[in-house]
Each structure stands twice: as C-alpha cells, then as structure tokens.
Amino acid sequence: MKYVTATSDMANTIYNILHTTIKTIYPKYYPKEVVDFFCHHHSKEHILDGILSGNMGVLVYDNIIAGTGCFDNNHITGVYVLPSYQKQGCGSHIINCLETCTCEFNCFSTFSI
C-alpha cells in the first residue's frame, strides 16, 4: 500500500472513487439532496483543481487506486476509499499520510507500508 501525489491523468479514476463512495455510503446517512450536492461539488473541474494544487494524493493498493485524500494547508479536506477497500486500513493509511503532510505543509513524495 502506498500513497502518492495525484496527477492529472488520474482525474477520471479519482472522480469514479469519489462518486462511487458518495453514492454507495452517503445514502445510509444523508438525504438524497445531500448526496446530490456532494456529487455535484466533486466535479472533474474541482478534482483537477485539487490535483493541480499538489495537495491531492491517491492510495495504491495491489496496483489499484483504491482511495484518495486531499488537504489545504493544515486542514484535511477529504478522504475517500472505494467501498470494496474499506475496513482494510486504507482510510487510516491515507489519514496518517495527510496528517504528515499537513504538519510539513509541503510533503508529497511516497509513503509506503
């Protein structure tokens, strides 16, 4: 499992991770309007902005991009893991990497486990 800086060629994959996770998990806790809001909020343009900021990363697990995370300065702005990879430590690994990044403010390289 490794967490690496996201690149623009990963935008569609990140979009799919976000939307799959939101549409699968959020309806268990939120009304449809909230689910729709977050799907609209996480547009491809928004994702590309995150990638271009250098603050978005992806978790590669068994050669699959299974999750993503983003931060802004010292604030973690999002963590998403595909439902089929949840409960396996992926989200915790992303959080640990993002916490390191927010402490260092300019961190990205590769974090491996």
PDB file of N, CA and C in Angstrom:
ATOM      1  N   MET A   1       0.858  -1.163   0.000  1.00  0.00           N
ATOM      2  CA  MET A   1       0.000   0.000   0.000  1.00  0.00           C
ATOM      3  C   MET A   1       0.906   1.228   0.000  1.00  0.00           C
ATOM      4  N   LYS A   2       0.658   2.133  -0.942  1.00  0.00           N
ATOM      5  CA  LYS A   2       1.439   3.373  -0.945  1.00  0.00           C
ATOM      6  C   LYS A   2       0.560   4.552  -1.323  1.00  0.00           C
ATOM      7  N   TYR A   3       0.899   5.699  -0.788  1.00  0.00           N
ATOM      8  CA  TYR A   3       0.167   6.938  -1.023  1.00  0.00           C
ATOM      9  C   TYR A   3       1.084   7.862  -1.804  1.00  0.00           C
ATOM     10  N   VAL A   4       0.622   8.295  -2.982  1.00  0.00           N
ATOM     11  CA  VAL A   4       1.447   9.112  -3.868  1.00  0.00           C
ATOM     12  C   VAL A   4       0.669  10.340  -4.321  1.00  0.00           C
ATOM     13  N   THR A   5       1.386  11.329  -4.780  1.00  0.00           N
ATOM     14  CA  THR A   5       0.781  12.540  -5.317  1.00  0.00           C
ATOM     15  C   THR A   5      -0.065  12.209  -6.537  1.00  0.00           C
ATOM     16  N   ALA A   6      -1.263  12.758  -6.569  1.00  0.00           N
ATOM     17  CA  ALA A   6      -2.148  12.556  -7.725  1.00  0.00           C
ATOM     18  C   ALA A   6      -1.651  13.374  -8.916  1.00  0.00           C
ATOM     19  N   THR A   7      -1.852  12.834 -10.099  1.00  0.00           N
ATOM     20  CA  THR A   7      -1.506  13.527 -11.345  1.00  0.00           C
ATOM     21  C   THR A   7      -2.770  13.667 -12.190  1.00  0.00           C
ATOM     22  N   SER A   8      -2.731  14.583 -13.137  1.00  0.00           N
ATOM     23  CA  SER A   8      -3.932  14.893 -13.920  1.00  0.00           C
ATOM     24  C   SER A   8      -4.464  13.688 -14.690  1.00  0.00           C
ATOM     25  N   ASP A   9      -3.605  12.742 -15.046  1.00  0.00           N
ATOM     26  CA  ASP A   9      -4.099  11.560 -15.756  1.00  0.00           C
ATOM     27  C   ASP A   9      -4.898  10.635 -14.840  1.00  0.00           C
ATOM     28  N   MET A  10      -4.931  10.922 -13.549  1.00  0.00           N
ATOM     29  CA  MET A  10      -5.709  10.129 -12.589  1.00  0.00           C
ATOM     30  C   MET A  10      -7.086  10.739 -12.324  1.00  0.00           C
ATOM     31  N   ALA A  11      -7.406  11.864 -12.943  1.00  0.00           N
ATOM     32  CA  ALA A  11      -8.634  12.603 -12.627  1.00  0.00           C
ATOM     33  C   ALA A  11      -9.888  11.748 -12.788  1.00  0.00           C
ATOM     34  N   ASN A  12     -10.001  10.996 -13.861  1.00  0.00           N
ATOM     35  CA  ASN A  12     -11.201  10.172 -14.063  1.00  0.00           C
ATOM     36  C   ASN A  12     -11.312   9.080 -13.005  1.00  0.00           C
ATOM     37  N   THR A  13     -10.192   8.488 -12.647  1.00  0.00           N
ATOM     38  CA  THR A  13     -10.196   7.452 -11.612  1.00  0.00           C
ATOM     39  C   THR A  13     -10.609   8.049 -10.266  1.00  0.00           C
ATOM     40  N   ILE A  14     -10.072   9.206  -9.943  1.00  0.00           N
ATOM     41  CA  ILE A  14     -10.431   9.873  -8.688  1.00  0.00           C
ATOM     42  C   ILE A  14     -11.912  10.244  -8.696  1.00  0.00           C
ATOM     43  N   TYR A  15     -12.395  10.752  -9.810  1.00  0.00           N
ATOM     44  CA  TYR A  15     -13.818  11.072  -9.960  1.00  0.00           C
ATOM     45  C   TYR A  15     -14.665   9.829  -9.668  1.00  0.00           C
ATOM     46  N   ASN A  16     -14.278   8.697 -10.238  1.00  0.00           N
ATOM     47  CA  ASN A  16     -15.031   7.456 -10.024  1.00  0.00           C
ATOM     48  C   ASN A  16     -14.983   7.013  -8.565  1.00  0.00           C
ATOM     49  N   ILE A  17     -13.826   7.167  -7.920  1.00  0.00           N
ATOM     50  CA  ILE A  17     -13.724   6.817  -6.495  1.00  0.00           C
ATOM     51  C   ILE A  17     -14.659   7.691  -5.670  1.00  0.00           C
ATOM     52  N   LEU A  18     -14.611   8.991  -5.898  1.00  0.00           N
ATOM     53  CA  LEU A  18     -15.452   9.914  -5.136  1.00  0.00           C
ATOM     54  C   LEU A  18     -16.929   9.603  -5.338  1.00  0.00           C
ATOM     55  N   HIS A  19     -17.350   9.488  -6.582  1.00  0.00           N
ATOM     56  CA  HIS A  19     -18.768   9.306  -6.865  1.00  0.00           C
ATOM     57  C   HIS A  19     -19.270   7.922  -6.447  1.00  0.00           C
ATOM     58  N   THR A  20     -18.457   6.902  -6.618  1.00  0.00           N
ATOM     59  CA  THR A  20     -18.861   5.567  -6.162  1.00  0.00           C
ATOM     60  C   THR A  20     -19.029   5.552  -4.656  1.00  0.00           C
ATOM     61  N   THR A  21     -18.074   6.136  -3.954  1.00  0.00           N
ATOM     62  CA  THR A  21     -18.131   6.160  -2.491  1.00  0.00           C
ATOM     63  C   THR A  21     -19.313   6.986  -2.004  1.00  0.00           C
ATOM     64  N   ILE A  22     -19.492   8.160  -2.568  1.00  0.00           N
ATOM     65  CA  ILE A  22     -20.600   9.030  -2.158  1.00  0.00           C
ATOM     66  C   ILE A  22     -21.942   8.347  -2.413  1.00  0.00           C
ATOM     67  N   LYS A  23     -22.119   7.781  -3.602  1.00  0.00           N
ATOM     68  CA  LYS A  23     -23.411   7.177  -3.958  1.00  0.00           C
ATOM     69  C   LYS A  23     -23.687   5.874  -3.200  1.00  0.00           C
ATOM     70  N   THR A  24     -22.633   5.214  -2.733  1.00  0.00           N
ATOM     71  CA  THR A  24     -22.811   3.955  -2.001  1.00  0.00           C
ATOM     72  C   THR A  24     -22.966   4.176  -0.503  1.00  0.00           C
ATOM     73  N   ILE A  25     -22.158   5.047   0.067  1.00  0.00           N
ATOM     74  CA  ILE A  25     -22.109   5.208   1.520  1.00  0.00           C
ATOM     75  C   ILE A  25     -23.016   6.331   2.025  1.00  0.00           C
ATOM     76  N   TYR A  26     -22.995   7.479   1.389  1.00  0.00           N
ATOM     77  CA  TYR A  26     -23.740   8.632   1.897  1.00  0.00           C
ATOM     78  C   TYR A  26     -25.239   8.385   2.058  1.00  0.00           C
ATOM     79  N   PRO A  27     -25.917   7.666   1.142  1.00  0.00           N
ATOM     80  CA  PRO A  27     -27.373   7.469   1.325  1.00  0.00           C
ATOM     81  C   PRO A  27     -27.754   6.744   2.612  1.00  0.00           C
ATOM     82  N   LYS A  28     -26.809   6.068   3.234  1.00  0.00           N
ATOM     83  CA  LYS A  28     -27.087   5.408   4.512  1.00  0.00           C
ATOM     84  C   LYS A  28     -27.249   6.426   5.644  1.00  0.00           C
ATOM     85  N   TYR A  29     -26.720   7.644   5.434  1.00  0.00           N
ATOM     86  CA  TYR A  29     -26.680   8.642   6.499  1.00  0.00           C
ATOM     87  C   TYR A  29     -27.337   9.975   6.142  1.00  0.00           C
ATOM     88  N   TYR A  30     -27.453  10.272   4.845  1.00  0.00           N
ATOM     89  CA  TYR A  30     -27.913  11.590   4.419  1.00  0.00           C
ATOM     90  C   TYR A  30     -29.064  11.480   3.425  1.00  0.00           C
ATOM     91  N   PRO A  31     -29.898  12.524   3.367  1.00  0.00           N
ATOM     92  CA  PRO A  31     -30.962  12.534   2.353  1.00  0.00           C
ATOM     93  C   PRO A  31     -30.382  12.696   0.944  1.00  0.00           C
ATOM     94  N   LYS A  32     -31.182  12.360  -0.040  1.00  0.00           N
ATOM     95  CA  LYS A  32     -30.762  12.396  -1.449  1.00  0.00           C
ATOM     96  C   LYS A  32     -30.185  13.758  -1.848  1.00  0.00           C
ATOM     97  N   GLU A  33     -30.751  14.837  -1.321  1.00  0.00           N
ATOM     98  CA  GLU A  33     -30.281  16.177  -1.677  1.00  0.00           C
ATOM     99  C   GLU A  33     -28.820  16.394  -1.266  1.00  0.00           C
ATOM    100  N   VAL A  34     -28.451  15.841  -0.142  1.00  0.00           N
ATOM    101  CA  VAL A  34     -27.062  15.960   0.330  1.00  0.00           C
ATOM    102  C   VAL A  34     -26.143  15.132  -0.560  1.00  0.00           C
ATOM    103  N   VAL A  35     -26.564  13.926  -0.901  1.00  0.00           N
ATOM    104  CA  VAL A  35     -25.783  13.063  -1.796  1.00  0.00           C
ATOM    105  C   VAL A  35     -25.580  13.775  -3.131  1.00  0.00           C
ATOM    106  N   ASP A  36     -26.659  14.336  -3.675  1.00  0.00           N
ATOM    107  CA  ASP A  36     -26.572  15.056  -4.954  1.00  0.00           C
ATOM    108  C   ASP A  36     -25.637  16.259  -4.849  1.00  0.00           C
ATOM    109  N   PHE A  37     -25.714  16.983  -3.721  1.00  0.00           N
ATOM    110  CA  PHE A  37     -24.840  18.142  -3.516  1.00  0.00           C
ATOM    111  C   PHE A  37     -23.367  17.730  -3.590  1.00  0.00           C
ATOM    112  N   PHE A  38     -23.012  16.670  -2.862  1.00  0.00           N
ATOM    113  CA  PHE A  38     -21.611  16.261  -2.834  1.00  0.00           C
ATOM    114  C   PHE A  38     -21.146  15.713  -4.183  1.00  0.00           C
ATOM    115  N   CYS A  39     -22.021  15.034  -4.897  1.00  0.00           N
ATOM    116  CA  CYS A  39     -21.647  14.572  -6.243  1.00  0.00           C
ATOM    117  C   CYS A  39     -21.392  15.770  -7.157  1.00  0.00           C
ATOM    118  N   HIS A  40     -22.265  16.766  -7.058  1.00  0.00           N
ATOM    119  CA  HIS A  40     -22.080  17.978  -7.875  1.00  0.00           C
ATOM    120  C   HIS A  40     -20.811  18.724  -7.452  1.00  0.00           C
ATOM    121  N   HIS A  41     -20.579  18.810  -6.150  1.00  0.00           N
ATOM    122  CA  HIS A  41     -19.400  19.515  -5.629  1.00  0.00           C
ATOM    123  C   HIS A  41     -18.101  18.880  -6.133  1.00  0.00           C
ATOM    124  N   HIS A  42     -18.070  17.564  -6.189  1.00  0.00           N
ATOM    125  CA  HIS A  42     -16.861  16.858  -6.615  1.00  0.00           C
ATOM    126  C   HIS A  42     -16.883  16.619  -8.121  1.00  0.00           C
ATOM    127  N   SER A  43     -16.915  17.722  -8.842  1.00  0.00           N
ATOM    128  CA  SER A  43     -16.890  17.675 -10.306  1.00  0.00           C
ATOM    129  C   SER A  43     -15.469  17.395 -10.787  1.00  0.00           C
ATOM    130  N   LYS A  44     -15.336  17.076 -12.058  1.00  0.00           N
ATOM    131  CA  LYS A  44     -13.997  16.844 -12.610  1.00  0.00           C
ATOM    132  C   LYS A  44     -13.144  18.111 -12.501  1.00  0.00           C
ATOM    133  N   GLU A  45     -13.766  19.272 -12.661  1.00  0.00           N
ATOM    134  CA  GLU A  45     -13.016  20.525 -12.543  1.00  0.00           C
ATOM    135  C   GLU A  45     -12.481  20.707 -11.125  1.00  0.00           C
ATOM    136  N   HIS A  46     -13.317  20.407 -10.139  1.00  0.00           N
ATOM    137  CA  HIS A  46     -12.903  20.517  -8.736  1.00  0.00           C
ATOM    138  C   HIS A  46     -11.750  19.544  -8.438  1.00  0.00           C
ATOM    139  N   ILE A  47     -11.853  18.351  -8.978  1.00  0.00           N
ATOM    140  CA  ILE A  47     -10.798  17.348  -8.789  1.00  0.00           C
ATOM    141  C   ILE A  47      -9.505  17.807  -9.441  1.00  0.00           C
ATOM    142  N   LEU A  48      -9.590  18.334 -10.648  1.00  0.00           N
ATOM    143  CA  LEU A  48      -8.375  18.834 -11.322  1.00  0.00           C
ATOM    144  C   LEU A  48      -7.745  19.983 -10.539  1.00  0.00           C
ATOM    145  N   ASP A  49      -8.564  20.836  -9.947  1.00  0.00           N
ATOM    146  CA  ASP A  49      -8.023  21.913  -9.098  1.00  0.00           C
ATOM    147  C   ASP A  49      -7.241  21.325  -7.925  1.00  0.00           C
ATOM    148  N   GLY A  50      -7.797  20.289  -7.304  1.00  0.00           N
ATOM    149  CA  GLY A  50      -7.106  19.632  -6.196  1.00  0.00           C
ATOM    150  C   GLY A  50      -5.791  19.008  -6.625  1.00  0.00           C
ATOM    151  N   ILE A  51      -5.809  18.379  -7.795  1.00  0.00           N
ATOM    152  CA  ILE A  51      -4.587  17.762  -8.314  1.00  0.00           C
ATOM    153  C   ILE A  51      -3.547  18.833  -8.617  1.00  0.00           C
ATOM    154  N   LEU A  52      -3.972  19.899  -9.286  1.00  0.00           N
ATOM    155  CA  LEU A  52      -3.034  20.961  -9.652  1.00  0.00           C
ATOM    156  C   LEU A  52      -2.465  21.682  -8.439  1.00  0.00           C
ATOM    157  N   SER A  53      -3.189  21.656  -7.315  1.00  0.00           N
ATOM    158  CA  SER A  53      -2.686  22.296  -6.094  1.00  0.00           C
ATOM    159  C   SER A  53      -1.494  21.532  -5.520  1.00  0.00           C
ATOM    160  N   GLY A  54      -1.368  20.246  -5.923  1.00  0.00           N
ATOM    161  CA  GLY A  54      -0.318  19.406  -5.365  1.00  0.00           C
ATOM    162  C   GLY A  54      -0.677  18.808  -4.023  1.00  0.00           C
ATOM    163  N   ASN A  55      -1.899  19.052  -3.571  1.00  0.00           N
ATOM    164  CA  ASN A  55      -2.333  18.608  -2.245  1.00  0.00           C
ATOM    165  C   ASN A  55      -3.215  17.371  -2.287  1.00  0.00           C
ATOM    166  N   MET A  56      -3.402  16.775  -3.440  1.00  0.00           N
ATOM    167  CA  MET A  56      -4.246  15.587  -3.555  1.00  0.00           C
ATOM    168  C   MET A  56      -3.366  14.382  -3.836  1.00  0.00           C
ATOM    169  N   GLY A  57      -3.694  13.288  -3.180  1.00  0.00           N
ATOM    170  CA  GLY A  57      -2.950  12.059  -3.391  1.00  0.00           C
ATOM    171  C   GLY A  57      -3.889  10.894  -3.608  1.00  0.00           C
ATOM    172  N   VAL A  58      -3.300   9.777  -3.981  1.00  0.00           N
ATOM    173  CA  VAL A  58      -4.074   8.549  -4.163  1.00  0.00           C
ATOM    174  C   VAL A  58      -3.386   7.411  -3.424  1.00  0.00           C
ATOM    175  N   LEU A  59      -4.208   6.480  -2.970  1.00  0.00           N
ATOM    176  CA  LEU A  59      -3.703   5.281  -2.324  1.00  0.00           C
ATOM    177  C   LEU A  59      -3.702   4.152  -3.354  1.00  0.00           C
ATOM    178  N   VAL A  60      -2.528   3.596  -3.584  1.00  0.00           N
ATOM    179  CA  VAL A  60      -2.389   2.464  -4.499  1.00  0.00           C
ATOM    180  C   VAL A  60      -2.290   1.202  -3.647  1.00  0.00           C
ATOM    181  N   TYR A  61      -3.208   0.281  -3.882  1.00  0.00           N
ATOM    182  CA  TYR A  61      -3.324  -0.944  -3.098  1.00  0.00           C
ATOM    183  C   TYR A  61      -3.408  -2.098  -4.093  1.00  0.00           C
ATOM    184  N   ASP A  62      -2.425  -2.975  -4.086  1.00  0.00           N
ATOM    185  CA  ASP A  62      -2.371  -4.077  -5.057  1.00  0.00           C
ATOM    186  C   ASP A  62      -2.502  -3.572  -6.495  1.00  0.00           C
ATOM    187  N   ASN A  63      -1.776  -2.503  -6.813  1.00  0.00           N
ATOM    188  CA  ASN A  63      -1.754  -1.892  -8.143  1.00  0.00           C
ATOM    189  C   ASN A  63      -3.088  -1.297  -8.580  1.00  0.00           C
ATOM    190  N   ILE A  64      -3.988  -1.059  -7.637  1.00  0.00           N
ATOM    191  CA  ILE A  64      -5.285  -0.430  -7.902  1.00  0.00           C
ATOM    192  C   ILE A  64      -5.340   0.877  -7.117  1.00  0.00           C
ATOM    193  N   ILE A  65      -5.836   1.934  -7.736  1.00  0.00           N
ATOM    194  CA  ILE A  65      -6.072   3.166  -6.995  1.00  0.00           C
ATOM    195  C   ILE A  65      -7.370   2.960  -6.235  1.00  0.00           C
ATOM    196  N   ALA A  66      -7.244   2.790  -4.926  1.00  0.00           N
ATOM    197  CA  ALA A  66      -8.377   2.408  -4.084  1.00  0.00           C
ATOM    198  C   ALA A  66      -8.937   3.552  -3.261  1.00  0.00           C
ATOM    199  N   GLY A  67      -8.207   4.665  -3.186  1.00  0.00           N
ATOM    200  CA  GLY A  67      -8.672   5.773  -2.367  1.00  0.00           C
ATOM    201  C   GLY A  67      -7.960   7.052  -2.717  1.00  0.00           C
ATOM    202  N   THR A  68      -8.441   8.129  -2.157  1.00  0.00           N
ATOM    203  CA  THR A  68      -7.863   9.437  -2.404  1.00  0.00           C
ATOM    204  C   THR A  68      -8.025  10.322  -1.179  1.00  0.00           C
ATOM    205  N   GLY A  69      -7.167  11.295  -1.066  1.00  0.00           N
ATOM    206  CA  GLY A  69      -7.248  12.257   0.024  1.00  0.00           C
ATOM    207  C   GLY A  69      -6.713  13.599  -0.427  1.00  0.00           C
ATOM    208  N   CYS A  70      -7.096  14.629   0.287  1.00  0.00           N
ATOM    209  CA  CYS A  70      -6.662  15.976  -0.081  1.00  0.00           C
ATOM    210  C   CYS A  70      -6.550  16.823   1.185  1.00  0.00           C
ATOM    211  N   PHE A  71      -5.688  17.821   1.126  1.00  0.00           N
ATOM    212  CA  PHE A  71      -5.543  18.751   2.243  1.00  0.00           C
ATOM    213  C   PHE A  71      -5.317  20.146   1.715  1.00  0.00           C
ATOM    214  N   ASP A  72      -5.520  21.125   2.578  1.00  0.00           N
ATOM    215  CA  ASP A  72      -5.259  22.524   2.260  1.00  0.00           C
ATOM    216  C   ASP A  72      -4.590  23.124   3.489  1.00  0.00           C
ATOM    217  N   ASN A  73      -3.326  23.469   3.346  1.00  0.00           N
ATOM    218  CA  ASN A  73      -2.519  23.940   4.466  1.00  0.00           C
ATOM    219  C   ASN A  73      -2.526  22.899   5.580  1.00  0.00           C
ATOM    220  N   ASN A  74      -3.111  23.213   6.723  1.00  0.00           N
ATOM    221  CA  ASN A  74      -3.112  22.245   7.823  1.00  0.00           C
ATOM    222  C   ASN A  74      -4.489  21.612   8.032  1.00  0.00           C
ATOM    223  N   HIS A  75      -5.304  21.592   6.978  1.00  0.00           N
ATOM    224  CA  HIS A  75      -6.682  21.100   7.063  1.00  0.00           C
ATOM    225  C   HIS A  75      -6.888  19.948   6.074  1.00  0.00           C
ATOM    226  N   ILE A  76      -7.281  18.783   6.581  1.00  0.00           N
ATOM    227  CA  ILE A  76      -7.622  17.660   5.708  1.00  0.00           C
ATOM    228  C   ILE A  76      -9.005  17.930   5.149  1.00  0.00           C
ATOM    229  N   THR A  77      -9.120  17.994   3.829  1.00  0.00           N
ATOM    230  CA  THR A  77     -10.379  18.382   3.195  1.00  0.00           C
ATOM    231  C   THR A  77     -11.194  17.197   2.697  1.00  0.00           C
ATOM    232  N   GLY A  78     -10.591  16.021   2.623  1.00  0.00           N
ATOM    233  CA  GLY A  78     -11.371  14.865   2.192  1.00  0.00           C
ATOM    234  C   GLY A  78     -10.565  13.586   2.173  1.00  0.00           C
ATOM    235  N   VAL A  79     -11.256  12.500   2.486  1.00  0.00           N
ATOM    236  CA  VAL A  79     -10.691  11.152   2.399  1.00  0.00           C
ATOM    237  C   VAL A  79     -11.795  10.255   1.865  1.00  0.00           C
ATOM    238  N   TYR A  80     -11.517   9.567   0.776  1.00  0.00           N
ATOM    239  CA  TYR A  80     -12.496   8.664   0.169  1.00  0.00           C
ATOM    240  C   TYR A  80     -11.809   7.353  -0.186  1.00  0.00           C
ATOM    241  N   VAL A  81     -12.460   6.255   0.156  1.00  0.00           N
ATOM    242  CA  VAL A  81     -11.953   4.917  -0.153  1.00  0.00           C
ATOM    243  C   VAL A  81     -13.089   4.139  -0.808  1.00  0.00           C
ATOM    244  N   LEU A  82     -12.785   3.473  -1.908  1.00  0.00           N
ATOM    245  CA  LEU A  82     -13.805   2.649  -2.559  1.00  0.00           C
ATOM    246  C   LEU A  82     -14.421   1.689  -1.537  1.00  0.00           C
ATOM    247  N   PRO A  83     -15.722   1.509  -1.589  1.00  0.00           N
ATOM    248  CA  PRO A  83     -16.377   0.635  -0.605  1.00  0.00           C
ATOM    249  C   PRO A  83     -15.759  -0.756  -0.506  1.00  0.00           C
ATOM    250  N   SER A  84     -15.315  -1.320  -1.604  1.00  0.00           N
ATOM    251  CA  SER A  84     -14.737  -2.672  -1.567  1.00  0.00           C
ATOM    252  C   SER A  84     -13.368  -2.722  -0.895  1.00  0.00           C
ATOM    253  N   TYR A  85     -12.767  -1.555  -0.630  1.00  0.00           N
ATOM    254  CA  TYR A  85     -11.466  -1.500   0.045  1.00  0.00           C
ATOM    255  C   TYR A  85     -11.576  -0.944   1.465  1.00  0.00           C
ATOM    256  N   GLN A  86     -12.783  -0.639   1.896  1.00  0.00           N
ATOM    257  CA  GLN A  86     -12.970  -0.143   3.258  1.00  0.00           C
ATOM    258  C   GLN A  86     -12.800  -1.281   4.252  1.00  0.00           C
ATOM    259  N   LYS A  87     -12.503  -0.901   5.488  1.00  0.00           N
ATOM    260  CA  LYS A  87     -12.286  -1.860   6.591  1.00  0.00           C
ATOM    261  C   LYS A  87     -11.001  -2.671   6.405  1.00  0.00           C
ATOM    262  N   GLN A  88     -10.040  -2.129   5.651  1.00  0.00           N
ATOM    263  CA  GLN A  88      -8.765  -2.813   5.423  1.00  0.00           C
ATOM    264  C   GLN A  88      -7.573  -1.921   5.767  1.00  0.00           C
ATOM    265  N   GLY A  89      -7.847  -0.796   6.429  1.00  0.00           N
ATOM    266  CA  GLY A  89      -6.775   0.111   6.820  1.00  0.00           C
ATOM    267  C   GLY A  89      -6.430   1.169   5.791  1.00  0.00           C
ATOM    268  N   CYS A  90      -7.138   1.196   4.679  1.00  0.00           N
ATOM    269  CA  CYS A  90      -6.822   2.168   3.619  1.00  0.00           C
ATOM    270  C   CYS A  90      -7.080   3.602   4.074  1.00  0.00           C
ATOM    271  N   GLY A  91      -8.245   3.840   4.656  1.00  0.00           N
ATOM    272  CA  GLY A  91      -8.566   5.187   5.123  1.00  0.00           C
ATOM    273  C   GLY A  91      -7.614   5.650   6.212  1.00  0.00           C
ATOM    274  N   SER A  92      -7.269   4.755   7.114  1.00  0.00           N
ATOM    275  CA  SER A  92      -6.314   5.107   8.176  1.00  0.00           C
ATOM    276  C   SER A  92      -4.954   5.458   7.596  1.00  0.00           C
ATOM    277  N   HIS A  93      -4.533   4.712   6.574  1.00  0.00           N
ATOM    278  CA  HIS A  93      -3.237   4.996   5.938  1.00  0.00           C
ATOM    279  C   HIS A  93      -3.267   6.372   5.265  1.00  0.00           C
ATOM    280  N   ILE A  94      -4.357   6.674   4.570  1.00  0.00           N
ATOM    281  CA  ILE A  94      -4.475   7.994   3.929  1.00  0.00           C
ATOM    282  C   ILE A  94      -4.438   9.088   4.986  1.00  0.00           C
ATOM    283  N   ILE A  95      -5.203   8.929   6.063  1.00  0.00           N
ATOM    284  CA  ILE A  95      -5.224   9.932   7.142  1.00  0.00           C
ATOM    285  C   ILE A  95      -3.829  10.133   7.721  1.00  0.00           C
ATOM    286  N   ASN A  96      -3.110   9.055   7.986  1.00  0.00           N
ATOM    287  CA  ASN A  96      -1.755   9.172   8.536  1.00  0.00           C
ATOM    288  C   ASN A  96      -0.851   9.957   7.595  1.00  0.00           C
ATOM    289  N   CYS A  97      -0.943   9.673   6.313  1.00  0.00           N
ATOM    290  CA  CYS A  97      -0.123  10.397   5.332  1.00  0.00           C
ATOM    291  C   CYS A  97      -0.529  11.866   5.258  1.00  0.00           C
ATOM    292  N   LEU A  98      -1.829  12.132   5.261  1.00  0.00           N
ATOM    293  CA  LEU A  98      -2.292  13.518   5.206  1.00  0.00           C
ATOM    294  C   LEU A  98      -1.900  14.286   6.464  1.00  0.00           C
ATOM    295  N   GLU A  99      -1.942  13.636   7.608  1.00  0.00           N
ATOM    296  CA  GLU A  99      -1.514  14.313   8.837  1.00  0.00           C
ATOM    297  C   GLU A  99      -0.046  14.698   8.758  1.00  0.00           C
ATOM    298  N   THR A 100       0.755  13.829   8.195  1.00  0.00           N
ATOM    299  CA  THR A 100       2.168  14.153   7.998  1.00  0.00           C
ATOM    300  C   THR A 100       2.298  15.350   7.055  1.00  0.00           C
ATOM    301  N   CYS A 101       1.522  15.329   5.982  1.00  0.00           N
ATOM    302  CA  CYS A 101       1.574  16.422   5.003  1.00  0.00           C
ATOM    303  C   CYS A 101       1.146  17.751   5.611  1.00  0.00           C
ATOM    304  N   THR A 102       0.070  17.727   6.382  1.00  0.00           N
ATOM    305  CA  THR A 102      -0.411  18.986   6.951  1.00  0.00           C
ATOM    306  C   THR A 102       0.572  19.543   7.969  1.00  0.00           C
ATOM    307  N   CYS A 103       1.319  18.681   8.608  1.00  0.00           N
ATOM    308  CA  CYS A 103       2.339  19.150   9.560  1.00  0.00           C
ATOM    309  C   CYS A 103       3.535  19.740   8.834  1.00  0.00           C
ATOM    310  N   GLU A 104       3.849  19.187   7.698  1.00  0.00           N
ATOM    311  CA  GLU A 104       5.022  19.644   6.960  1.00  0.00           C
ATOM    312  C   GLU A 104       4.678  20.679   5.902  1.00  0.00           C
ATOM    313  N   PHE A 105       3.412  20.819   5.541  1.00  0.00           N
ATOM    314  CA  PHE A 105       2.889  21.772   4.565  1.00  0.00           C
ATOM    315  C   PHE A 105       3.407  21.622   3.147  1.00  0.00           C
ATOM    316  N   ASN A 106       4.379  20.798   2.919  1.00  0.00           N
ATOM    317  CA  ASN A 106       4.889  20.671   1.560  1.00  0.00           C
ATOM    318  C   ASN A 106       5.555  19.318   1.450  1.00  0.00           C
ATOM    319  N   CYS A 107       4.764  18.276   1.502  1.00  0.00           N
ATOM    320  CA  CYS A 107       5.309  16.999   1.857  1.00  0.00           C
ATOM    321  C   CYS A 107       5.428  15.968   0.774  1.00  0.00           C
ATOM    322  N   PHE A 108       4.577  15.994  -0.204  1.00  0.00           N
ATOM    323  CA  PHE A 108       4.336  14.807  -1.017  1.00  0.00           C
ATOM    324  C   PHE A 108       5.572  14.216  -1.640  1.00  0.00           C
ATOM    325  N   SER A 109       5.684  12.946  -1.472  1.00  0.00           N
ATOM    326  CA  SER A 109       6.586  12.075  -2.206  1.00  0.00           C
ATOM    327  C   SER A 109       5.872  10.751  -2.233  1.00  0.00           C
ATOM    328  N   THR A 110       6.366   9.772  -1.530  1.00  0.00           N
ATOM    329  CA  THR A 110       5.685   8.488  -1.454  1.00  0.00           C
ATOM    330  C   THR A 110       5.748   7.982  -0.027  1.00  0.00           C
ATOM    331  N   PHE A 111       4.636   7.473   0.434  1.00  0.00           N
ATOM    332  CA  PHE A 111       4.551   6.841   1.745  1.00  0.00           C
ATOM    333  C   PHE A 111       4.209   5.385   1.510  1.00  0.00           C
ATOM    334  N   SER A 112       5.022   4.488   1.986  1.00  0.00           N
ATOM    335  CA  SER A 112       4.754   3.054   1.801  1.00  0.00           C
ATOM    336  C   SER A 112       4.548   2.383   3.141  1.00  0.00           C
ATOM    337  N   ILE A 113       3.821   1.302   3.084  1.00  0.00           N
ATOM    338  CA  ILE A 113       3.635   0.488   4.289  1.00  0.00           C
ATOM    339  C   ILE A 113       4.081  -0.927   3.968  1.00  0.00           C
TER     340      ILE A 113
END
